Amino acid sequence: MWKVMIADDEVYMLEALEKLINWNNLDCRLVYKAKNGEELIDKIKEEVPDIIITDVKMPLVSGMEVAKYIYEHLLPTKVIILTAYADFEYAKLAIEYDVCGYIVKTSAIEELPAMLRKAIAKLTLPSMLQEEEFPEDILSKLQKYIEDNYMEKLTLSQIAEEVHANGSYLSHLYKSKTGQNLFDAINKMKLKKAKEYLVQGKRISEIATLVGFEDVSYFSRVFKKYESCSPRDYERKIN
């Protein structure tokens, strides 16, 4: 069954979605409910769902910020946005972050099943392809592209376009072939080069830019996550 997570700061909406949608008939399983986007992202870090249904406006982290997180971390999760009213700005952001669709809350119970089927159809397409039917050179093209461009701010749709393949399938293929997700592989390449620059004595702020991080503090957090120490601590250790 497809794993679904939902997020809404209105408790009644969470309860309505849980109780009024026939999840079993849609071959879906509701695995988590969050009261805000921050809770949802924390859960995604533990377990990547197939589909996310999220309110667009929530405290701490908004639904669009969740969609941005999914998009920037190259996750194959499909995102459905709930909103209190139609808004052109939301529509533009939905396109930018590859959102599956958005639904006005007043018609959510009626329209959500069809939107879920649309998300499932997008998820099913990659799994219908057999690996032996997938050109073997796609994986090598993918590997070469990220090796040549890891220092850029890459997105899944951008990578997919470059290697002429379905984005969701690329994520699944890379994970099945290498044992790690694509986003982790890209970050590890960035940090391998970052450590080389630290050995060379370059400034941390300069290194962050060179390996594709716009924000130095975010670079430091990512470095610590993978290396178990900050760039500054690593610098002290090698010196």
C-alpha atoms as a PDB file:
ATOM      1  CA  MET A   1       0.000   0.000   0.000  1.00  0.00           C
ATOM      2  CA  TRP A   2       1.058   3.584  -0.628  1.00  0.00           C
ATOM      3  CA  LYS A   3       2.260   5.383   2.513  1.00  0.00           C
ATOM      4  CA  VAL A   4       0.562   8.735   3.099  1.00  0.00           C
ATOM      5  CA  MET A   5       1.362  11.505   5.601  1.00  0.00           C
ATOM      6  CA  ILE A   6      -0.851  14.514   6.275  1.00  0.00           C
ATOM      7  CA  ALA A   7      -0.209  17.867   7.970  1.00  0.00           C
ATOM      8  CA  ASP A   8      -2.681  20.545   9.056  1.00  0.00           C
ATOM      9  CA  ASP A   9      -2.747  22.866  12.066  1.00  0.00           C
ATOM     10  CA  GLU A  10      -6.531  22.467  12.303  1.00  0.00           C
ATOM     11  CA  VAL A  11      -7.299  19.303  14.267  1.00  0.00           C
ATOM     12  CA  TYR A  12     -10.774  18.937  12.784  1.00  0.00           C
ATOM     13  CA  MET A  13      -9.251  18.789   9.288  1.00  0.00           C
ATOM     14  CA  LEU A  14      -6.809  16.053  10.303  1.00  0.00           C
ATOM     15  CA  GLU A  15      -9.689  14.046  11.785  1.00  0.00           C
ATOM     16  CA  ALA A  16     -11.893  14.601   8.736  1.00  0.00           C
ATOM     17  CA  LEU A  17      -9.187  13.409   6.351  1.00  0.00           C
ATOM     18  CA  GLU A  18      -8.453  10.388   8.510  1.00  0.00           C
ATOM     19  CA  LYS A  19     -12.070   9.300   8.962  1.00  0.00           C
ATOM     20  CA  LEU A  20     -13.884  10.424   5.805  1.00  0.00           C
ATOM     21  CA  ILE A  21     -11.416   9.239   3.161  1.00  0.00           C
ATOM     22  CA  ASN A  22     -11.597   5.522   2.354  1.00  0.00           C
ATOM     23  CA  TRP A  23      -7.848   4.929   2.368  1.00  0.00           C
ATOM     24  CA  ASN A  24      -8.081   1.160   1.834  1.00  0.00           C
ATOM     25  CA  ASN A  25     -10.111   1.572  -1.355  1.00  0.00           C
ATOM     26  CA  LEU A  26      -7.341   3.803  -2.701  1.00  0.00           C
ATOM     27  CA  ASP A  27      -4.677   1.239  -1.744  1.00  0.00           C
ATOM     28  CA  CYS A  28      -3.261   3.798   0.694  1.00  0.00           C
ATOM     29  CA  ARG A  29      -2.250   3.677   4.344  1.00  0.00           C
ATOM     30  CA  LEU A  30      -2.244   6.800   6.496  1.00  0.00           C
ATOM     31  CA  VAL A  31       0.990   6.455   8.474  1.00  0.00           C
ATOM     32  CA  TYR A  32       1.387   9.849  10.141  1.00  0.00           C
ATOM     33  CA  LYS A  33      -0.509  13.039  11.052  1.00  0.00           C
ATOM     34  CA  ALA A  34       1.340  16.280  11.845  1.00  0.00           C
ATOM     35  CA  LYS A  35       0.105  19.587  13.263  1.00  0.00           C
ATOM     36  CA  ASN A  36       2.667  21.653  11.364  1.00  0.00           C
ATOM     37  CA  GLY A  37       5.270  21.424   8.624  1.00  0.00           C
ATOM     38  CA  GLU A  38       8.180  21.150  11.043  1.00  0.00           C
ATOM     39  CA  GLU A  39       6.771  17.950  12.569  1.00  0.00           C
ATOM     40  CA  LEU A  40       6.149  16.598   9.091  1.00  0.00           C
ATOM     41  CA  ILE A  41       9.706  17.234   7.860  1.00  0.00           C
ATOM     42  CA  ASP A  42      11.134  15.638  11.014  1.00  0.00           C
ATOM     43  CA  LYS A  43       9.066  12.520  10.275  1.00  0.00           C
ATOM     44  CA  ILE A  44      10.067  12.506   6.586  1.00  0.00           C
ATOM     45  CA  LYS A  45      13.712  12.376   7.697  1.00  0.00           C
ATOM     46  CA  GLU A  46      12.897   9.097   9.506  1.00  0.00           C
ATOM     47  CA  GLU A  47      10.595   7.568   6.893  1.00  0.00           C
ATOM     48  CA  VAL A  48      10.043   8.858   3.353  1.00  0.00           C
ATOM     49  CA  PRO A  49       6.338   8.568   2.408  1.00  0.00           C
ATOM     50  CA  ASP A  50       4.922   8.044  -1.077  1.00  0.00           C
ATOM     51  CA  ILE A  51       2.408  10.888  -0.790  1.00  0.00           C
ATOM     52  CA  ILE A  52       2.099  13.992   1.397  1.00  0.00           C
ATOM     53  CA  ILE A  53      -1.098  15.992   1.888  1.00  0.00           C
ATOM     54  CA  THR A  54      -0.363  19.298   3.573  1.00  0.00           C
ATOM     55  CA  ASP A  55      -2.099  22.544   4.429  1.00  0.00           C
ATOM     56  CA  VAL A  56      -0.418  25.456   2.665  1.00  0.00           C
ATOM     57  CA  LYS A  57      -0.449  27.753   5.733  1.00  0.00           C
ATOM     58  CA  MET A  58       0.790  26.351   9.050  1.00  0.00           C
ATOM     59  CA  PRO A  59       2.876  27.658  11.945  1.00  0.00           C
ATOM     60  CA  LEU A  60       6.668  27.129  11.987  1.00  0.00           C
ATOM     61  CA  VAL A  61       6.943  25.584   8.514  1.00  0.00           C
ATOM     62  CA  SER A  62       4.366  26.052   5.739  1.00  0.00           C
ATOM     63  CA  GLY A  63       3.096  23.495   3.256  1.00  0.00           C
ATOM     64  CA  MET A  64       5.014  25.164   0.437  1.00  0.00           C
ATOM     65  CA  GLU A  65       8.193  24.959   2.514  1.00  0.00           C
ATOM     66  CA  VAL A  66       7.534  21.234   2.899  1.00  0.00           C
ATOM     67  CA  ALA A  67       7.103  20.967  -0.889  1.00  0.00           C
ATOM     68  CA  LYS A  68      10.348  22.907  -1.336  1.00  0.00           C
ATOM     69  CA  TYR A  69      12.123  20.501   1.064  1.00  0.00           C
ATOM     70  CA  ILE A  70      10.867  17.481  -0.907  1.00  0.00           C
ATOM     71  CA  TYR A  71      11.905  19.112  -4.192  1.00  0.00           C
ATOM     72  CA  GLU A  72      15.373  20.220  -3.062  1.00  0.00           C
ATOM     73  CA  HIS A  73      16.142  16.885  -1.400  1.00  0.00           C
ATOM     74  CA  LEU A  74      15.289  15.005  -4.600  1.00  0.00           C
ATOM     75  CA  LEU A  75      12.723  12.779  -2.863  1.00  0.00           C
ATOM     76  CA  PRO A  76      10.244  10.824  -5.030  1.00  0.00           C
ATOM     77  CA  THR A  77       7.328  11.806  -2.746  1.00  0.00           C
ATOM     78  CA  LYS A  78       4.248  13.331  -4.407  1.00  0.00           C
ATOM     79  CA  VAL A  79       2.842  16.434  -2.696  1.00  0.00           C
ATOM     80  CA  ILE A  80      -0.803  17.518  -2.571  1.00  0.00           C
ATOM     81  CA  ILE A  81      -1.465  21.007  -1.160  1.00  0.00           C
ATOM     82  CA  LEU A  82      -4.615  22.003   0.750  1.00  0.00           C
ATOM     83  CA  THR A  83      -5.561  25.689   0.766  1.00  0.00           C
ATOM     84  CA  ALA A  84      -8.436  27.761   2.162  1.00  0.00           C
ATOM     85  CA  TYR A  85      -8.857  29.554  -1.169  1.00  0.00           C
ATOM     86  CA  ALA A  86      -7.528  29.516  -4.723  1.00  0.00           C
ATOM     87  CA  ASP A  87      -4.444  31.704  -5.131  1.00  0.00           C
ATOM     88  CA  PHE A  88      -2.381  32.283  -8.274  1.00  0.00           C
ATOM     89  CA  GLU A  89       0.839  32.654  -6.253  1.00  0.00           C
ATOM     90  CA  TYR A  90       0.320  29.173  -4.791  1.00  0.00           C
ATOM     91  CA  ALA A  91      -0.240  27.826  -8.276  1.00  0.00           C
ATOM     92  CA  LYS A  92       3.070  29.300  -9.456  1.00  0.00           C
ATOM     93  CA  LEU A  93       4.958  27.839  -6.493  1.00  0.00           C
ATOM     94  CA  ALA A  94       3.209  24.501  -6.991  1.00  0.00           C
ATOM     95  CA  ILE A  95       4.625  24.342 -10.516  1.00  0.00           C
ATOM     96  CA  GLU A  96       8.087  25.407  -9.326  1.00  0.00           C
ATOM     97  CA  TYR A  97       8.221  22.674  -6.652  1.00  0.00           C
ATOM     98  CA  ASP A  98       6.629  19.986  -8.841  1.00  0.00           C
ATOM     99  CA  VAL A  99       3.520  19.706  -6.639  1.00  0.00           C
ATOM    100  CA  CYS A 100       1.067  17.060  -7.845  1.00  0.00           C
ATOM    101  CA  GLY A 101      -1.882  19.395  -7.301  1.00  0.00           C
ATOM    102  CA  TYR A 102      -3.690  21.610  -4.827  1.00  0.00           C
ATOM    103  CA  ILE A 103      -7.238  21.460  -3.503  1.00  0.00           C
ATOM    104  CA  VAL A 104      -9.439  24.069  -1.843  1.00  0.00           C
ATOM    105  CA  LYS A 105     -10.318  22.786   1.639  1.00  0.00           C
ATOM    106  CA  THR A 106     -14.064  23.222   1.265  1.00  0.00           C
ATOM    107  CA  SER A 107     -14.081  20.515  -1.416  1.00  0.00           C
ATOM    108  CA  ALA A 108     -11.208  18.412  -0.090  1.00  0.00           C
ATOM    109  CA  ILE A 109     -13.205  15.331   0.875  1.00  0.00           C
ATOM    110  CA  GLU A 110     -14.868  15.189  -2.563  1.00  0.00           C
ATOM    111  CA  GLU A 111     -11.793  15.963  -4.651  1.00  0.00           C
ATOM    112  CA  LEU A 112      -8.994  14.299  -2.709  1.00  0.00           C
ATOM    113  CA  PRO A 113      -9.639  10.703  -3.900  1.00  0.00           C
ATOM    114  CA  ALA A 114      -9.178  11.748  -7.546  1.00  0.00           C
ATOM    115  CA  MET A 115      -6.041  13.713  -6.659  1.00  0.00           C
ATOM    116  CA  LEU A 116      -4.662  10.704  -4.786  1.00  0.00           C
ATOM    117  CA  ARG A 117      -5.273   8.524  -7.844  1.00  0.00           C
ATOM    118  CA  LYS A 118      -3.374  11.084  -9.934  1.00  0.00           C
ATOM    119  CA  ALA A 119      -0.438  10.945  -7.493  1.00  0.00           C
ATOM    120  CA  ILE A 120      -0.499   7.141  -7.480  1.00  0.00           C
ATOM    121  CA  ALA A 121      -0.484   7.071 -11.282  1.00  0.00           C
ATOM    122  CA  LYS A 122       2.677   9.187 -11.269  1.00  0.00           C
ATOM    123  CA  LEU A 123       4.249   6.892  -8.691  1.00  0.00           C
ATOM    124  CA  THR A 124       3.213   3.737 -10.527  1.00  0.00           C
ATOM    125  CA  LEU A 125       4.740   4.677 -13.890  1.00  0.00           C
ATOM    126  CA  PRO A 126       8.368   4.189 -12.773  1.00  0.00           C
ATOM    127  CA  SER A 127       7.610   0.892 -11.021  1.00  0.00           C
ATOM    128  CA  MET A 128       6.016  -0.451 -14.201  1.00  0.00           C
ATOM    129  CA  LEU A 129       9.341  -0.173 -15.964  1.00  0.00           C
ATOM    130  CA  GLN A 130      11.499  -3.247 -15.619  1.00  0.00           C
ATOM    131  CA  GLU A 131      15.155  -2.579 -14.905  1.00  0.00           C
ATOM    132  CA  GLU A 132      16.255  -4.723 -17.830  1.00  0.00           C
ATOM    133  CA  GLU A 133      14.202  -2.467 -20.102  1.00  0.00           C
ATOM    134  CA  PHE A 134      15.941   0.613 -18.737  1.00  0.00           C
ATOM    135  CA  PRO A 135      19.064   1.534 -20.732  1.00  0.00           C
ATOM    136  CA  GLU A 136      22.114   0.526 -18.714  1.00  0.00           C
ATOM    137  CA  ASP A 137      23.980   3.653 -19.703  1.00  0.00           C
ATOM    138  CA  ILE A 138      21.401   5.860 -17.946  1.00  0.00           C
ATOM    139  CA  LEU A 139      22.957   5.085 -14.559  1.00  0.00           C
ATOM    140  CA  SER A 140      26.451   5.903 -15.800  1.00  0.00           C
ATOM    141  CA  LYS A 141      25.158   9.124 -17.404  1.00  0.00           C
ATOM    142  CA  LEU A 142      23.505  10.006 -14.114  1.00  0.00           C
ATOM    143  CA  GLN A 143      26.683   9.321 -12.156  1.00  0.00           C
ATOM    144  CA  LYS A 144      28.802  11.388 -14.555  1.00  0.00           C
ATOM    145  CA  TYR A 145      26.334  14.275 -14.523  1.00  0.00           C
ATOM    146  CA  ILE A 146      26.282  14.596 -10.743  1.00  0.00           C
ATOM    147  CA  GLU A 147      30.080  14.189 -10.579  1.00  0.00           C
ATOM    148  CA  ASP A 148      30.455  17.041 -13.086  1.00  0.00           C
ATOM    149  CA  ASN A 149      27.767  19.257 -11.538  1.00  0.00           C
ATOM    150  CA  TYR A 150      27.601  18.433  -7.811  1.00  0.00           C
ATOM    151  CA  MET A 151      28.788  21.971  -7.019  1.00  0.00           C
ATOM    152  CA  GLU A 152      25.573  23.377  -8.524  1.00  0.00           C
ATOM    153  CA  LYS A 153      22.169  23.532  -6.844  1.00  0.00           C
ATOM    154  CA  LEU A 154      20.718  20.448  -8.532  1.00  0.00           C
ATOM    155  CA  THR A 155      17.055  19.442  -8.626  1.00  0.00           C
ATOM    156  CA  LEU A 156      15.580  16.071  -9.504  1.00  0.00           C
ATOM    157  CA  SER A 157      13.704  17.451 -12.518  1.00  0.00           C
ATOM    158  CA  GLN A 158      16.883  19.128 -13.795  1.00  0.00           C
ATOM    159  CA  ILE A 159      18.894  15.897 -13.498  1.00  0.00           C
ATOM    160  CA  ALA A 160      16.095  13.882 -15.118  1.00  0.00           C
ATOM    161  CA  GLU A 161      15.951  16.289 -18.043  1.00  0.00           C
ATOM    162  CA  GLU A 162      19.706  16.059 -18.574  1.00  0.00           C
ATOM    163  CA  VAL A 163      19.749  12.247 -18.692  1.00  0.00           C
ATOM    164  CA  HIS A 164      16.369  11.983 -20.495  1.00  0.00           C
ATOM    165  CA  ALA A 165      14.598   9.842 -17.908  1.00  0.00           C
ATOM    166  CA  ASN A 166      11.702   9.923 -15.443  1.00  0.00           C
ATOM    167  CA  GLY A 167      12.734  11.692 -12.218  1.00  0.00           C
ATOM    168  CA  SER A 168      10.983   9.385  -9.749  1.00  0.00           C
ATOM    169  CA  TYR A 169      12.376   6.326 -11.495  1.00  0.00           C
ATOM    170  CA  LEU A 170      15.876   7.784 -11.371  1.00  0.00           C
ATOM    171  CA  SER A 171      15.609   8.106  -7.589  1.00  0.00           C
ATOM    172  CA  HIS A 172      14.419   4.527  -7.184  1.00  0.00           C
ATOM    173  CA  LEU A 173      16.974   3.193  -9.668  1.00  0.00           C
ATOM    174  CA  TYR A 174      19.885   4.996  -8.029  1.00  0.00           C
ATOM    175  CA  LYS A 175      18.871   3.781  -4.563  1.00  0.00           C
ATOM    176  CA  SER A 176      18.450   0.179  -5.734  1.00  0.00           C
ATOM    177  CA  LYS A 177      21.777   0.169  -7.577  1.00  0.00           C
ATOM    178  CA  THR A 178      23.949   2.025  -5.053  1.00  0.00           C
ATOM    179  CA  GLY A 179      22.246   1.546  -1.694  1.00  0.00           C
ATOM    180  CA  GLN A 180      22.055   5.294  -1.019  1.00  0.00           C
ATOM    181  CA  ASN A 181      19.657   7.991  -2.083  1.00  0.00           C
ATOM    182  CA  LEU A 182      20.637  10.469  -4.760  1.00  0.00           C
ATOM    183  CA  PHE A 183      20.611  13.481  -2.454  1.00  0.00           C
ATOM    184  CA  ASP A 184      23.034  11.796  -0.024  1.00  0.00           C
ATOM    185  CA  ALA A 185      25.365  10.912  -2.900  1.00  0.00           C
ATOM    186  CA  ILE A 186      25.425  14.521  -4.104  1.00  0.00           C
ATOM    187  CA  ASN A 187      26.075  15.854  -0.607  1.00  0.00           C
ATOM    188  CA  LYS A 188      28.905  13.372  -0.074  1.00  0.00           C
ATOM    189  CA  MET A 189      30.551  14.549  -3.289  1.00  0.00           C
ATOM    190  CA  LYS A 190      30.220  18.155  -2.122  1.00  0.00           C
ATOM    191  CA  LEU A 191      31.759  17.350   1.249  1.00  0.00           C
ATOM    192  CA  LYS A 192      34.602  15.295  -0.204  1.00  0.00           C
ATOM    193  CA  LYS A 193      35.627  18.360  -2.220  1.00  0.00           C
ATOM    194  CA  ALA A 194      35.009  20.630   0.778  1.00  0.00           C
ATOM    195  CA  LYS A 195      37.489  18.600   2.854  1.00  0.00           C
ATOM    196  CA  GLU A 196      40.076  18.924   0.086  1.00  0.00           C
ATOM    197  CA  TYR A 197      39.593  22.696   0.158  1.00  0.00           C
ATOM    198  CA  LEU A 198      39.954  22.722   3.964  1.00  0.00           C
ATOM    199  CA  VAL A 199      43.279  20.900   3.613  1.00  0.00           C
ATOM    200  CA  GLN A 200      44.328  23.575   1.114  1.00  0.00           C
ATOM    201  CA  GLY A 201      43.571  26.266   3.719  1.00  0.00           C
ATOM    202  CA  LYS A 202      40.628  27.965   1.968  1.00  0.00           C
ATOM    203  CA  ARG A 203      38.155  29.956   4.081  1.00  0.00           C
ATOM    204  CA  ILE A 204      34.970  28.114   5.112  1.00  0.00           C
ATOM    205  CA  SER A 205      32.699  30.766   3.588  1.00  0.00           C
ATOM    206  CA  GLU A 206      34.553  30.455   0.276  1.00  0.00           C
ATOM    207  CA  ILE A 207      34.396  26.645   0.397  1.00  0.00           C
ATOM    208  CA  ALA A 208      30.639  26.715   0.975  1.00  0.00           C
ATOM    209  CA  THR A 209      30.180  28.737  -2.228  1.00  0.00           C
ATOM    210  CA  LEU A 210      32.602  26.585  -4.225  1.00  0.00           C
ATOM    211  CA  VAL A 211      30.702  23.376  -3.436  1.00  0.00           C
ATOM    212  CA  GLY A 212      27.262  24.847  -4.084  1.00  0.00           C
ATOM    213  CA  PHE A 213      25.894  26.086  -0.749  1.00  0.00           C
ATOM    214  CA  GLU A 214      24.426  29.588  -0.717  1.00  0.00           C
ATOM    215  CA  ASP A 215      24.171  29.628   3.093  1.00  0.00           C
ATOM    216  CA  VAL A 216      27.344  29.028   5.169  1.00  0.00           C
ATOM    217  CA  SER A 217      25.388  27.982   8.268  1.00  0.00           C
ATOM    218  CA  TYR A 218      23.458  25.395   6.237  1.00  0.00           C
ATOM    219  CA  PHE A 219      26.756  24.132   4.793  1.00  0.00           C
ATOM    220  CA  SER A 220      28.069  23.731   8.357  1.00  0.00           C
ATOM    221  CA  ARG A 221      24.962  21.789   9.421  1.00  0.00           C
ATOM    222  CA  VAL A 222      25.226  19.441   6.440  1.00  0.00           C
ATOM    223  CA  PHE A 223      28.968  18.982   7.045  1.00  0.00           C
ATOM    224  CA  LYS A 224      28.350  18.068  10.692  1.00  0.00           C
ATOM    225  CA  LYS A 225      25.544  15.675   9.760  1.00  0.00           C
ATOM    226  CA  TYR A 226      27.806  13.618   7.473  1.00  0.00           C
ATOM    227  CA  GLU A 227      31.208  14.098   9.112  1.00  0.00           C
ATOM    228  CA  SER A 228      30.139  14.237  12.798  1.00  0.00           C
ATOM    229  CA  CYS A 229      32.076  17.473  13.277  1.00  0.00           C
ATOM    230  CA  SER A 230      31.822  21.058  12.075  1.00  0.00           C
ATOM    231  CA  PRO A 231      34.046  22.404   9.274  1.00  0.00           C
ATOM    232  CA  ARG A 232      35.892  24.460  11.905  1.00  0.00           C
ATOM    233  CA  ASP A 233      36.551  21.354  14.044  1.00  0.00           C
ATOM    234  CA  TYR A 234      37.717  19.437  10.958  1.00  0.00           C
ATOM    235  CA  GLU A 235      40.042  22.325  10.108  1.00  0.00           C
ATOM    236  CA  ARG A 236      41.559  22.240  13.607  1.00  0.00           C
ATOM    237  CA  LYS A 237      41.953  18.467  13.422  1.00  0.00           C
ATOM    238  CA  ILE A 238      43.935  18.489  10.170  1.00  0.00           C
ATOM    239  CA  ASN A 239      46.105  21.356  11.340  1.00  0.00           C
END
